[in-house]
Amino acid sequence: MVVRARRRPFVTAGVFVTIAMGMFAQQARRPAMYEAAVRLLISEGAFAEDGRPRPRGELRAFINRAIFMPVHLDSLIQKHDLVKRLRTGSVEGARSRVRNLIEISTGFNYFEGYRDSSDPPRSARVEVVFFAPDPELALAVVTDIGELIAETQASRMADIADARVEGLRILAESAAGRAIRLEERLDQAKEAVSGQPSPIFNDLMQQLSAEVAAARTAAERAEGAFVDAQLRERADRQVGTLVHVVNPGLSSGRTISRAERLARQGIVSIAVAALAALILIGALDPTVLDEVDIQRAGLRAVGSLAVRRAQSPRAEV
């Protein structure tokens, strides 16, 4: 394609200039973008408490779910009127635009390593950056994103704790009910054998008594586990969220200066235009240059003839 494009230098140059100017003009009309960032610290217990290494990507997946869950994303768009302020024209367009304007980076993720009981609690750091044409809008949106992630984690932990407490409550009630039923059977057996002792009835009484004792012990343990879970849930609520917003919002102003932004846009326009011109002119050139072109046309070459460039510089075979 390069050889073909060089055979038509003026056409190639014209296509190159047209594409480059069009791309540069389109990019230059775009408004300057501002960025704001929020930094989060996620502490031990947000994912697991047994010290096992967490799967790679779990942290980023949690952040993505917290931000891009449809109900959360739509709430963010509606609160800041992003359909109008980002000029997307629709809610669906705003969703796609917001996803492209958010950058998430994770670092110092110690959850991927194993933790012994004597080791300090693990943690991970997350930074979320949002770009917007208005610095105040960027700061407001990224601040809400940080709070949204913290609230999502707190709600998630509360749901897990409630499910654990409810499960232990059911187990405690079941164990207590079984103990009561066995005690009733034991009382009925005592009344049945009253005044009629025999070795068979004595063995039955001893068996029922052992079952009642075991049921009472199981009921006490289940009740203790239920109470411990309740106390732990209350303690966790008092401690608060395990996702801490270390920096509620940091605006860094315009990402780059106007001169630098125009220079970058010019470089990108030149590179893309040069590649596009080579592809377009090279691909659309109908000249037959070698045997490969003849074969592509569905023909079979029967021979070749050398042409001296000094005698006929423009000769083609």
C-alpha atoms as a PDB file:
ATOM      1  CA  MET A   1       0.000   0.000   0.000  1.00  0.00           C
ATOM      2  CA  VAL A   2       2.926   2.359   0.656  1.00  0.00           C
ATOM      3  CA  VAL A   3       4.259   1.745  -2.868  1.00  0.00           C
ATOM      4  CA  ARG A   4       0.845   2.368  -4.378  1.00  0.00           C
ATOM      5  CA  ALA A   5       0.347   5.558  -2.347  1.00  0.00           C
ATOM      6  CA  ARG A   6       3.731   6.897  -3.471  1.00  0.00           C
ATOM      7  CA  ARG A   7       2.717   6.497  -7.112  1.00  0.00           C
ATOM      8  CA  ARG A   8       0.013   9.153  -6.558  1.00  0.00           C
ATOM      9  CA  PRO A   9       1.707  11.662  -4.235  1.00  0.00           C
ATOM     10  CA  PHE A  10      -0.691  14.565  -4.865  1.00  0.00           C
ATOM     11  CA  VAL A  11      -3.829  12.486  -4.280  1.00  0.00           C
ATOM     12  CA  THR A  12      -2.281  10.924  -1.170  1.00  0.00           C
ATOM     13  CA  ALA A  13      -1.259  14.341   0.144  1.00  0.00           C
ATOM     14  CA  GLY A  14      -4.747  15.733  -0.481  1.00  0.00           C
ATOM     15  CA  VAL A  15      -6.446  12.870   1.351  1.00  0.00           C
ATOM     16  CA  PHE A  16      -3.938  13.185   4.184  1.00  0.00           C
ATOM     17  CA  VAL A  17      -4.508  16.919   4.634  1.00  0.00           C
ATOM     18  CA  THR A  18      -8.296  16.565   4.458  1.00  0.00           C
ATOM     19  CA  ILE A  19      -8.458  13.826   7.085  1.00  0.00           C
ATOM     20  CA  ALA A  20      -5.917  15.526   9.367  1.00  0.00           C
ATOM     21  CA  MET A  21      -7.710  18.882   9.288  1.00  0.00           C
ATOM     22  CA  GLY A  22     -11.100  17.270   9.835  1.00  0.00           C
ATOM     23  CA  MET A  23      -9.935  15.235  12.821  1.00  0.00           C
ATOM     24  CA  PHE A  24      -8.071  18.179  14.360  1.00  0.00           C
ATOM     25  CA  ALA A  25     -11.068  20.484  13.967  1.00  0.00           C
ATOM     26  CA  GLN A  26     -13.379  17.907  15.551  1.00  0.00           C
ATOM     27  CA  GLN A  27     -11.072  17.345  18.526  1.00  0.00           C
ATOM     28  CA  ALA A  28     -10.379  21.063  18.991  1.00  0.00           C
ATOM     29  CA  ARG A  29     -14.109  21.738  19.387  1.00  0.00           C
ATOM     30  CA  ARG A  30     -14.317  19.413  22.342  1.00  0.00           C
ATOM     31  CA  PRO A  31     -14.447  21.227  25.685  1.00  0.00           C
ATOM     32  CA  ALA A  32     -11.510  21.037  28.070  1.00  0.00           C
ATOM     33  CA  MET A  33     -11.901  18.260  30.601  1.00  0.00           C
ATOM     34  CA  TYR A  34     -11.281  18.572  34.324  1.00  0.00           C
ATOM     35  CA  GLU A  35     -10.606  15.710  36.694  1.00  0.00           C
ATOM     36  CA  ALA A  36     -11.269  15.035  40.358  1.00  0.00           C
ATOM     37  CA  ALA A  37     -10.247  12.030  42.428  1.00  0.00           C
ATOM     38  CA  VAL A  38     -11.375  10.287  45.602  1.00  0.00           C
ATOM     39  CA  ARG A  39      -9.188   7.846  47.534  1.00  0.00           C
ATOM     40  CA  LEU A  40     -10.539   4.967  49.612  1.00  0.00           C
ATOM     41  CA  LEU A  41      -8.995   2.630  52.197  1.00  0.00           C
ATOM     42  CA  ILE A  42     -10.620  -0.800  52.469  1.00  0.00           C
ATOM     43  CA  SER A  43      -9.855  -2.610  55.749  1.00  0.00           C
ATOM     44  CA  GLU A  44      -9.771  -6.247  56.862  1.00  0.00           C
ATOM     45  CA  GLY A  45     -13.198  -7.845  57.063  1.00  0.00           C
ATOM     46  CA  ALA A  46     -14.674  -6.232  53.976  1.00  0.00           C
ATOM     47  CA  PHE A  47     -14.365  -9.514  52.061  1.00  0.00           C
ATOM     48  CA  ALA A  48     -13.377 -12.268  54.505  1.00  0.00           C
ATOM     49  CA  GLU A  49     -12.059 -12.666  58.037  1.00  0.00           C
ATOM     50  CA  ASP A  50     -10.320 -16.041  57.815  1.00  0.00           C
ATOM     51  CA  GLY A  51      -7.041 -14.675  56.442  1.00  0.00           C
ATOM     52  CA  ARG A  52      -7.229 -16.549  53.152  1.00  0.00           C
ATOM     53  CA  PRO A  53      -5.945 -14.811  49.994  1.00  0.00           C
ATOM     54  CA  ARG A  54      -8.746 -13.239  48.021  1.00  0.00           C
ATOM     55  CA  PRO A  55      -9.160 -13.932  44.281  1.00  0.00           C
ATOM     56  CA  ARG A  56      -7.407 -11.537  41.938  1.00  0.00           C
ATOM     57  CA  GLY A  57      -9.838  -8.974  40.599  1.00  0.00           C
ATOM     58  CA  GLU A  58     -12.347  -9.314  43.438  1.00  0.00           C
ATOM     59  CA  LEU A  59     -11.636  -5.806  44.707  1.00  0.00           C
ATOM     60  CA  ARG A  60     -12.100  -4.171  41.302  1.00  0.00           C
ATOM     61  CA  ALA A  61     -15.232  -6.221  40.674  1.00  0.00           C
ATOM     62  CA  PHE A  62     -16.692  -4.990  43.974  1.00  0.00           C
ATOM     63  CA  ILE A  63     -15.923  -1.354  43.059  1.00  0.00           C
ATOM     64  CA  ASN A  64     -17.436  -1.786  39.590  1.00  0.00           C
ATOM     65  CA  ARG A  65     -20.627  -3.306  41.011  1.00  0.00           C
ATOM     66  CA  ALA A  66     -20.961  -0.514  43.548  1.00  0.00           C
ATOM     67  CA  ILE A  67     -20.614   2.232  40.925  1.00  0.00           C
ATOM     68  CA  PHE A  68     -22.136   0.764  37.776  1.00  0.00           C
ATOM     69  CA  MET A  69     -25.119  -1.001  39.291  1.00  0.00           C
ATOM     70  CA  PRO A  70     -28.031   0.385  37.223  1.00  0.00           C
ATOM     71  CA  VAL A  71     -29.904   1.826  40.182  1.00  0.00           C
ATOM     72  CA  HIS A  72     -26.752   3.544  41.512  1.00  0.00           C
ATOM     73  CA  LEU A  73     -25.656   4.841  38.103  1.00  0.00           C
ATOM     74  CA  ASP A  74     -29.112   6.195  37.253  1.00  0.00           C
ATOM     75  CA  SER A  75     -29.329   7.890  40.646  1.00  0.00           C
ATOM     76  CA  LEU A  76     -25.967   9.565  40.043  1.00  0.00           C
ATOM     77  CA  ILE A  77     -27.016  10.716  36.577  1.00  0.00           C
ATOM     78  CA  GLN A  78     -30.317  12.108  37.822  1.00  0.00           C
ATOM     79  CA  LYS A  79     -28.828  13.854  40.865  1.00  0.00           C
ATOM     80  CA  HIS A  80     -26.253  15.796  38.830  1.00  0.00           C
ATOM     81  CA  ASP A  81     -28.356  16.153  35.655  1.00  0.00           C
ATOM     82  CA  LEU A  82     -25.593  14.493  33.620  1.00  0.00           C
ATOM     83  CA  VAL A  83     -27.802  13.999  30.557  1.00  0.00           C
ATOM     84  CA  LYS A  84     -27.851  17.768  30.072  1.00  0.00           C
ATOM     85  CA  ARG A  85     -24.445  18.688  31.482  1.00  0.00           C
ATOM     86  CA  LEU A  86     -22.611  16.020  29.479  1.00  0.00           C
ATOM     87  CA  ARG A  87     -24.774  16.682  26.395  1.00  0.00           C
ATOM     88  CA  THR A  88     -25.593  13.035  25.797  1.00  0.00           C
ATOM     89  CA  GLY A  89     -29.229  13.507  24.777  1.00  0.00           C
ATOM     90  CA  SER A  90     -30.527  10.446  26.634  1.00  0.00           C
ATOM     91  CA  VAL A  91     -30.113   8.492  29.836  1.00  0.00           C
ATOM     92  CA  GLU A  92     -28.626   5.552  27.940  1.00  0.00           C
ATOM     93  CA  GLY A  93     -26.068   7.858  26.366  1.00  0.00           C
ATOM     94  CA  ALA A  94     -25.270   9.324  29.781  1.00  0.00           C
ATOM     95  CA  ARG A  95     -24.674   5.834  31.177  1.00  0.00           C
ATOM     96  CA  SER A  96     -22.174   5.052  28.443  1.00  0.00           C
ATOM     97  CA  ARG A  97     -20.518   8.449  28.773  1.00  0.00           C
ATOM     98  CA  VAL A  98     -20.151   8.202  32.555  1.00  0.00           C
ATOM     99  CA  ARG A  99     -18.587   4.739  32.256  1.00  0.00           C
ATOM    100  CA  ASN A 100     -15.973   6.181  29.902  1.00  0.00           C
ATOM    101  CA  LEU A 101     -15.271   9.159  32.173  1.00  0.00           C
ATOM    102  CA  ILE A 102     -14.530   7.056  35.273  1.00  0.00           C
ATOM    103  CA  GLU A 103     -11.094   5.597  35.920  1.00  0.00           C
ATOM    104  CA  ILE A 104     -10.466   3.118  38.753  1.00  0.00           C
ATOM    105  CA  SER A 105      -7.035   2.126  40.034  1.00  0.00           C
ATOM    106  CA  THR A 106      -6.124  -0.181  42.918  1.00  0.00           C
ATOM    107  CA  GLY A 107      -2.858  -0.371  44.796  1.00  0.00           C
ATOM    108  CA  PHE A 108      -1.292  -1.931  47.878  1.00  0.00           C
ATOM    109  CA  ASN A 109      -3.876  -4.709  47.730  1.00  0.00           C
ATOM    110  CA  TYR A 110      -2.713  -6.934  50.593  1.00  0.00           C
ATOM    111  CA  PHE A 111      -5.890  -9.036  50.389  1.00  0.00           C
ATOM    112  CA  GLU A 112      -4.218 -11.093  47.643  1.00  0.00           C
ATOM    113  CA  GLY A 113      -1.727 -12.452  50.216  1.00  0.00           C
ATOM    114  CA  TYR A 114      -2.268 -14.850  53.124  1.00  0.00           C
ATOM    115  CA  ARG A 115      -2.695 -13.425  56.630  1.00  0.00           C
ATOM    116  CA  ASP A 116      -1.687 -15.252  59.820  1.00  0.00           C
ATOM    117  CA  SER A 117      -3.489 -14.644  63.082  1.00  0.00           C
ATOM    118  CA  SER A 118      -0.485 -12.680  64.384  1.00  0.00           C
ATOM    119  CA  ASP A 119      -0.248 -10.439  61.290  1.00  0.00           C
ATOM    120  CA  PRO A 120      -1.765  -6.948  61.269  1.00  0.00           C
ATOM    121  CA  PRO A 121      -5.099  -6.446  59.481  1.00  0.00           C
ATOM    122  CA  ARG A 122      -4.875  -6.325  55.709  1.00  0.00           C
ATOM    123  CA  SER A 123      -5.971  -3.360  53.622  1.00  0.00           C
ATOM    124  CA  ALA A 124      -6.187  -2.073  50.069  1.00  0.00           C
ATOM    125  CA  ARG A 125      -6.226   1.362  48.503  1.00  0.00           C
ATOM    126  CA  VAL A 126      -8.507   2.468  45.698  1.00  0.00           C
ATOM    127  CA  GLU A 127      -8.533   5.685  43.691  1.00  0.00           C
ATOM    128  CA  VAL A 128     -11.495   6.711  41.565  1.00  0.00           C
ATOM    129  CA  VAL A 129     -11.100   9.559  39.058  1.00  0.00           C
ATOM    130  CA  PHE A 130     -13.927  11.298  37.218  1.00  0.00           C
ATOM    131  CA  PHE A 131     -13.552  13.660  34.236  1.00  0.00           C
ATOM    132  CA  ALA A 132     -16.052  16.404  33.446  1.00  0.00           C
ATOM    133  CA  PRO A 133     -16.164  19.682  31.487  1.00  0.00           C
ATOM    134  CA  ASP A 134     -16.751  21.551  34.765  1.00  0.00           C
ATOM    135  CA  PRO A 135     -14.338  21.218  37.732  1.00  0.00           C
ATOM    136  CA  GLU A 136     -17.132  21.625  40.282  1.00  0.00           C
ATOM    137  CA  LEU A 137     -19.158  18.911  38.551  1.00  0.00           C
ATOM    138  CA  ALA A 138     -16.179  16.555  38.511  1.00  0.00           C
ATOM    139  CA  LEU A 139     -15.581  17.114  42.232  1.00  0.00           C
ATOM    140  CA  ALA A 140     -19.260  16.680  43.156  1.00  0.00           C
ATOM    141  CA  VAL A 141     -19.667  13.471  41.161  1.00  0.00           C
ATOM    142  CA  VAL A 142     -16.479  11.822  42.407  1.00  0.00           C
ATOM    143  CA  THR A 143     -17.350  12.727  46.007  1.00  0.00           C
ATOM    144  CA  ASP A 144     -20.702  11.005  45.642  1.00  0.00           C
ATOM    145  CA  ILE A 145     -18.982   8.002  44.074  1.00  0.00           C
ATOM    146  CA  GLY A 146     -16.765   7.631  47.138  1.00  0.00           C
ATOM    147  CA  GLU A 147     -19.742   7.803  49.490  1.00  0.00           C
ATOM    148  CA  LEU A 148     -21.640   5.364  47.270  1.00  0.00           C
ATOM    149  CA  ILE A 149     -18.876   2.764  47.497  1.00  0.00           C
ATOM    150  CA  ALA A 150     -18.702   3.110  51.302  1.00  0.00           C
ATOM    151  CA  GLU A 151     -22.492   2.855  51.660  1.00  0.00           C
ATOM    152  CA  THR A 152     -22.639  -0.157  49.338  1.00  0.00           C
ATOM    153  CA  GLN A 153     -20.055  -2.015  51.409  1.00  0.00           C
ATOM    154  CA  ALA A 154     -21.814  -1.119  54.679  1.00  0.00           C
ATOM    155  CA  SER A 155     -25.149  -2.315  53.288  1.00  0.00           C
ATOM    156  CA  ARG A 156     -23.531  -5.510  52.013  1.00  0.00           C
ATOM    157  CA  MET A 157     -21.979  -6.282  55.395  1.00  0.00           C
ATOM    158  CA  ALA A 158     -25.266  -5.518  57.168  1.00  0.00           C
ATOM    159  CA  ASP A 159     -27.140  -7.925  54.888  1.00  0.00           C
ATOM    160  CA  ILE A 160     -24.562 -10.650  55.523  1.00  0.00           C
ATOM    161  CA  ALA A 161     -24.731 -10.095  59.285  1.00  0.00           C
ATOM    162  CA  ASP A 162     -28.537 -10.108  59.280  1.00  0.00           C
ATOM    163  CA  ALA A 163     -28.594 -13.355  57.300  1.00  0.00           C
ATOM    164  CA  ARG A 164     -26.119 -14.950  59.720  1.00  0.00           C
ATOM    165  CA  VAL A 165     -28.108 -13.858  62.782  1.00  0.00           C
ATOM    166  CA  GLU A 166     -31.375 -15.038  61.236  1.00  0.00           C
ATOM    167  CA  GLY A 167     -29.880 -18.433  60.418  1.00  0.00           C
ATOM    168  CA  LEU A 168     -28.565 -18.879  63.967  1.00  0.00           C
ATOM    169  CA  ARG A 169     -31.931 -17.795  65.377  1.00  0.00           C
ATOM    170  CA  ILE A 170     -33.684 -20.499  63.376  1.00  0.00           C
ATOM    171  CA  LEU A 171     -31.141 -23.087  64.553  1.00  0.00           C
ATOM    172  CA  ALA A 172     -31.547 -22.004  68.191  1.00  0.00           C
ATOM    173  CA  GLU A 173     -35.347 -22.207  67.990  1.00  0.00           C
ATOM    174  CA  SER A 174     -35.144 -25.605  66.327  1.00  0.00           C
ATOM    175  CA  ALA A 175     -32.753 -26.947  68.990  1.00  0.00           C
ATOM    176  CA  ALA A 176     -34.901 -25.552  71.804  1.00  0.00           C
ATOM    177  CA  GLY A 177     -38.049 -27.065  70.292  1.00  0.00           C
ATOM    178  CA  ARG A 178     -36.397 -30.476  69.988  1.00  0.00           C
ATOM    179  CA  ALA A 179     -35.292 -30.326  73.624  1.00  0.00           C
ATOM    180  CA  ILE A 180     -38.832 -29.461  74.738  1.00  0.00           C
ATOM    181  CA  ARG A 181     -40.323 -32.321  72.731  1.00  0.00           C
ATOM    182  CA  LEU A 182     -37.845 -34.806  74.196  1.00  0.00           C
ATOM    183  CA  GLU A 183     -38.585 -33.558  77.713  1.00  0.00           C
ATOM    184  CA  GLU A 184     -42.301 -34.086  77.094  1.00  0.00           C
ATOM    185  CA  ARG A 185     -41.615 -37.642  75.892  1.00  0.00           C
ATOM    186  CA  LEU A 186     -39.523 -38.278  78.994  1.00  0.00           C
ATOM    187  CA  ASP A 187     -42.319 -37.020  81.282  1.00  0.00           C
ATOM    188  CA  GLN A 188     -44.850 -39.206  79.470  1.00  0.00           C
ATOM    189  CA  ALA A 189     -42.555 -42.225  79.796  1.00  0.00           C
ATOM    190  CA  LYS A 190     -42.155 -41.590  83.517  1.00  0.00           C
ATOM    191  CA  GLU A 191     -45.901 -41.499  83.987  1.00  0.00           C
ATOM    192  CA  ALA A 192     -46.339 -44.691  81.926  1.00  0.00           C
ATOM    193  CA  VAL A 193     -43.859 -46.720  83.966  1.00  0.00           C
ATOM    194  CA  SER A 194     -44.881 -45.272  87.317  1.00  0.00           C
ATOM    195  CA  GLY A 195     -45.237 -48.193  89.747  1.00  0.00           C
ATOM    196  CA  GLN A 196     -44.224 -50.761  87.094  1.00  0.00           C
ATOM    197  CA  PRO A 197     -40.407 -50.773  87.047  1.00  0.00           C
ATOM    198  CA  SER A 198     -38.719 -53.248  84.731  1.00  0.00           C
ATOM    199  CA  PRO A 199     -35.278 -53.539  83.098  1.00  0.00           C
ATOM    200  CA  ILE A 200     -36.725 -52.636  79.660  1.00  0.00           C
ATOM    201  CA  PHE A 201     -38.397 -49.494  80.919  1.00  0.00           C
ATOM    202  CA  ASN A 202     -35.279 -48.540  82.874  1.00  0.00           C
ATOM    203  CA  ASP A 203     -33.166 -48.774  79.706  1.00  0.00           C
ATOM    204  CA  LEU A 204     -35.746 -46.681  77.831  1.00  0.00           C
ATOM    205  CA  MET A 205     -35.731 -44.061  80.565  1.00  0.00           C
ATOM    206  CA  GLN A 206     -31.949 -43.867  80.545  1.00  0.00           C
ATOM    207  CA  GLN A 207     -31.905 -43.495  76.743  1.00  0.00           C
ATOM    208  CA  LEU A 208     -34.514 -40.729  76.826  1.00  0.00           C
ATOM    209  CA  SER A 209     -32.695 -38.979  79.651  1.00  0.00           C
ATOM    210  CA  ALA A 210     -29.441 -39.031  77.632  1.00  0.00           C
ATOM    211  CA  GLU A 211     -31.228 -37.644  74.558  1.00  0.00           C
ATOM    212  CA  VAL A 212     -32.820 -34.890  76.642  1.00  0.00           C
ATOM    213  CA  ALA A 213     -29.441 -33.931  78.119  1.00  0.00           C
ATOM    214  CA  ALA A 214     -27.839 -33.844  74.656  1.00  0.00           C
ATOM    215  CA  ALA A 215     -30.736 -31.778  73.271  1.00  0.00           C
ATOM    216  CA  ARG A 216     -30.457 -29.292  76.150  1.00  0.00           C
ATOM    217  CA  THR A 217     -26.712 -28.939  75.530  1.00  0.00           C
ATOM    218  CA  ALA A 218     -27.267 -28.397  71.799  1.00  0.00           C
ATOM    219  CA  ALA A 219     -29.992 -25.842  72.519  1.00  0.00           C
ATOM    220  CA  GLU A 220     -27.698 -23.951  74.919  1.00  0.00           C
ATOM    221  CA  ARG A 221     -24.900 -23.894  72.356  1.00  0.00           C
ATOM    222  CA  ALA A 222     -27.216 -22.709  69.610  1.00  0.00           C
ATOM    223  CA  GLU A 223     -28.609 -20.017  71.881  1.00  0.00           C
ATOM    224  CA  GLY A 224     -25.059 -18.935  72.779  1.00  0.00           C
ATOM    225  CA  ALA A 225     -24.044 -18.722  69.111  1.00  0.00           C
ATOM    226  CA  PHE A 226     -27.171 -16.691  68.365  1.00  0.00           C
ATOM    227  CA  VAL A 227     -26.429 -14.236  71.181  1.00  0.00           C
ATOM    228  CA  ASP A 228     -22.773 -13.945  70.116  1.00  0.00           C
ATOM    229  CA  ALA A 229     -23.852 -13.163  66.557  1.00  0.00           C
ATOM    230  CA  GLN A 230     -26.175 -10.446  67.797  1.00  0.00           C
ATOM    231  CA  LEU A 231     -23.431  -8.891  69.931  1.00  0.00           C
ATOM    232  CA  ARG A 232     -20.992  -9.069  67.051  1.00  0.00           C
ATOM    233  CA  GLU A 233     -23.459  -7.427  64.706  1.00  0.00           C
ATOM    234  CA  ARG A 234     -23.957  -4.569  67.162  1.00  0.00           C
ATOM    235  CA  ALA A 235     -20.190  -4.179  67.588  1.00  0.00           C
ATOM    236  CA  ASP A 236     -19.687  -4.067  63.832  1.00  0.00           C
ATOM    237  CA  ARG A 237     -22.326  -1.394  63.495  1.00  0.00           C
ATOM    238  CA  GLN A 238     -20.616   0.673  66.182  1.00  0.00           C
ATOM    239  CA  VAL A 239     -17.220   0.303  64.514  1.00  0.00           C
ATOM    240  CA  GLY A 240     -18.699   1.505  61.243  1.00  0.00           C
ATOM    241  CA  THR A 241     -17.853   0.848  57.636  1.00  0.00           C
ATOM    242  CA  LEU A 242     -14.735  -0.976  56.556  1.00  0.00           C
ATOM    243  CA  VAL A 243     -14.414   1.285  53.506  1.00  0.00           C
ATOM    244  CA  HIS A 244     -13.009   4.628  54.614  1.00  0.00           C
ATOM    245  CA  VAL A 245     -12.988   7.683  52.376  1.00  0.00           C
ATOM    246  CA  VAL A 246      -9.431   8.870  52.989  1.00  0.00           C
ATOM    247  CA  ASN A 247      -9.737  11.837  50.631  1.00  0.00           C
ATOM    248  CA  PRO A 248     -13.327  12.959  50.011  1.00  0.00           C
ATOM    249  CA  GLY A 249     -12.409  14.715  46.763  1.00  0.00           C
ATOM    250  CA  LEU A 250      -9.361  16.268  45.157  1.00  0.00           C
ATOM    251  CA  SER A 251      -9.709  18.456  42.100  1.00  0.00           C
ATOM    252  CA  SER A 252      -6.573  18.768  40.016  1.00  0.00           C
ATOM    253  CA  GLY A 253      -8.032  21.320  37.626  1.00  0.00           C
ATOM    254  CA  ARG A 254      -7.623  20.958  33.915  1.00  0.00           C
ATOM    255  CA  THR A 255      -5.857  17.753  33.015  1.00  0.00           C
ATOM    256  CA  ILE A 256      -3.480  19.458  30.538  1.00  0.00           C
ATOM    257  CA  SER A 257      -2.939  22.992  29.250  1.00  0.00           C
ATOM    258  CA  ARG A 258      -4.666  24.121  26.071  1.00  0.00           C
ATOM    259  CA  ALA A 259      -1.394  24.312  24.122  1.00  0.00           C
ATOM    260  CA  GLU A 260      -0.390  20.811  25.189  1.00  0.00           C
ATOM    261  CA  ARG A 261      -3.865  19.468  24.471  1.00  0.00           C
ATOM    262  CA  LEU A 262      -3.834  20.972  20.951  1.00  0.00           C
ATOM    263  CA  ALA A 263      -0.342  19.589  20.341  1.00  0.00           C
ATOM    264  CA  ARG A 264      -1.444  16.093  21.338  1.00  0.00           C
ATOM    265  CA  GLN A 265      -4.539  16.350  19.197  1.00  0.00           C
ATOM    266  CA  GLY A 266      -2.415  17.482  16.250  1.00  0.00           C
ATOM    267  CA  ILE A 267      -0.039  14.542  16.627  1.00  0.00           C
ATOM    268  CA  VAL A 268      -2.924  12.087  16.822  1.00  0.00           C
ATOM    269  CA  SER A 269      -4.610  13.665  13.789  1.00  0.00           C
ATOM    270  CA  ILE A 270      -1.405  13.478  11.716  1.00  0.00           C
ATOM    271  CA  ALA A 271      -0.752   9.842  12.644  1.00  0.00           C
ATOM    272  CA  VAL A 272      -4.315   8.716  11.926  1.00  0.00           C
ATOM    273  CA  ALA A 273      -4.534  10.744   8.698  1.00  0.00           C
ATOM    274  CA  ALA A 274      -1.250   9.336   7.383  1.00  0.00           C
ATOM    275  CA  LEU A 275      -2.348   5.776   8.063  1.00  0.00           C
ATOM    276  CA  ALA A 276      -5.798   6.363   6.575  1.00  0.00           C
ATOM    277  CA  ALA A 277      -4.349   7.980   3.429  1.00  0.00           C
ATOM    278  CA  LEU A 278      -1.971   5.071   2.864  1.00  0.00           C
ATOM    279  CA  ILE A 279      -4.757   2.550   3.316  1.00  0.00           C
ATOM    280  CA  LEU A 280      -7.322   4.375   1.173  1.00  0.00           C
ATOM    281  CA  ILE A 281      -5.037   5.280  -1.742  1.00  0.00           C
ATOM    282  CA  GLY A 282      -3.122   2.014  -1.592  1.00  0.00           C
ATOM    283  CA  ALA A 283      -6.261  -0.100  -1.467  1.00  0.00           C
ATOM    284  CA  LEU A 284      -8.127   1.828  -4.189  1.00  0.00           C
ATOM    285  CA  ASP A 285      -5.207   2.035  -6.630  1.00  0.00           C
ATOM    286  CA  PRO A 286      -6.208  -0.156  -9.655  1.00  0.00           C
ATOM    287  CA  THR A 287      -2.693  -0.281 -11.127  1.00  0.00           C
ATOM    288  CA  VAL A 288      -1.228  -3.744 -11.630  1.00  0.00           C
ATOM    289  CA  LEU A 289       2.278  -3.723 -10.171  1.00  0.00           C
ATOM    290  CA  ASP A 290       3.264  -7.372  -9.908  1.00  0.00           C
ATOM    291  CA  GLU A 291       2.072 -10.954 -10.396  1.00  0.00           C
ATOM    292  CA  VAL A 292       0.223 -10.912  -7.071  1.00  0.00           C
ATOM    293  CA  ASP A 293      -2.143  -8.231  -8.387  1.00  0.00           C
ATOM    294  CA  ILE A 294      -2.832 -10.346 -11.473  1.00  0.00           C
ATOM    295  CA  GLN A 295      -3.648 -13.360  -9.328  1.00  0.00           C
ATOM    296  CA  ARG A 296      -5.982 -11.299  -7.122  1.00  0.00           C
ATOM    297  CA  ALA A 297      -7.896 -10.322 -10.262  1.00  0.00           C
ATOM    298  CA  GLY A 298      -8.464 -14.001 -11.050  1.00  0.00           C
ATOM    299  CA  LEU A 299      -5.971 -14.145 -13.912  1.00  0.00           C
ATOM    300  CA  ARG A 300      -2.872 -16.252 -14.449  1.00  0.00           C
ATOM    301  CA  ALA A 301       0.429 -14.629 -15.403  1.00  0.00           C
ATOM    302  CA  VAL A 302       2.103 -16.163 -18.467  1.00  0.00           C
ATOM    303  CA  GLY A 303       5.368 -14.237 -18.286  1.00  0.00           C
ATOM    304  CA  SER A 304       7.081 -10.959 -17.470  1.00  0.00           C
ATOM    305  CA  LEU A 305       8.905  -8.266 -19.418  1.00  0.00           C
ATOM    306  CA  ALA A 306      11.597  -6.040 -17.968  1.00  0.00           C
ATOM    307  CA  VAL A 307      11.343  -2.317 -18.784  1.00  0.00           C
ATOM    308  CA  ARG A 308      14.244   0.052 -18.532  1.00  0.00           C
ATOM    309  CA  ARG A 309      13.325   3.085 -16.468  1.00  0.00           C
ATOM    310  CA  ALA A 310      15.854   5.287 -18.281  1.00  0.00           C
ATOM    311  CA  GLN A 311      14.058   4.814 -21.584  1.00  0.00           C
ATOM    312  CA  SER A 312      10.509   4.810 -20.318  1.00  0.00           C
ATOM    313  CA  PRO A 313      10.265   6.053 -16.740  1.00  0.00           C
ATOM    314  CA  ARG A 314       6.459   5.841 -16.740  1.00  0.00           C
ATOM    315  CA  ALA A 315       6.148   2.484 -18.486  1.00  0.00           C
ATOM    316  CA  GLU A 316       3.931  -0.120 -16.867  1.00  0.00           C
ATOM    317  CA  VAL A 317       3.764  -3.859 -17.525  1.00  0.00           C
END
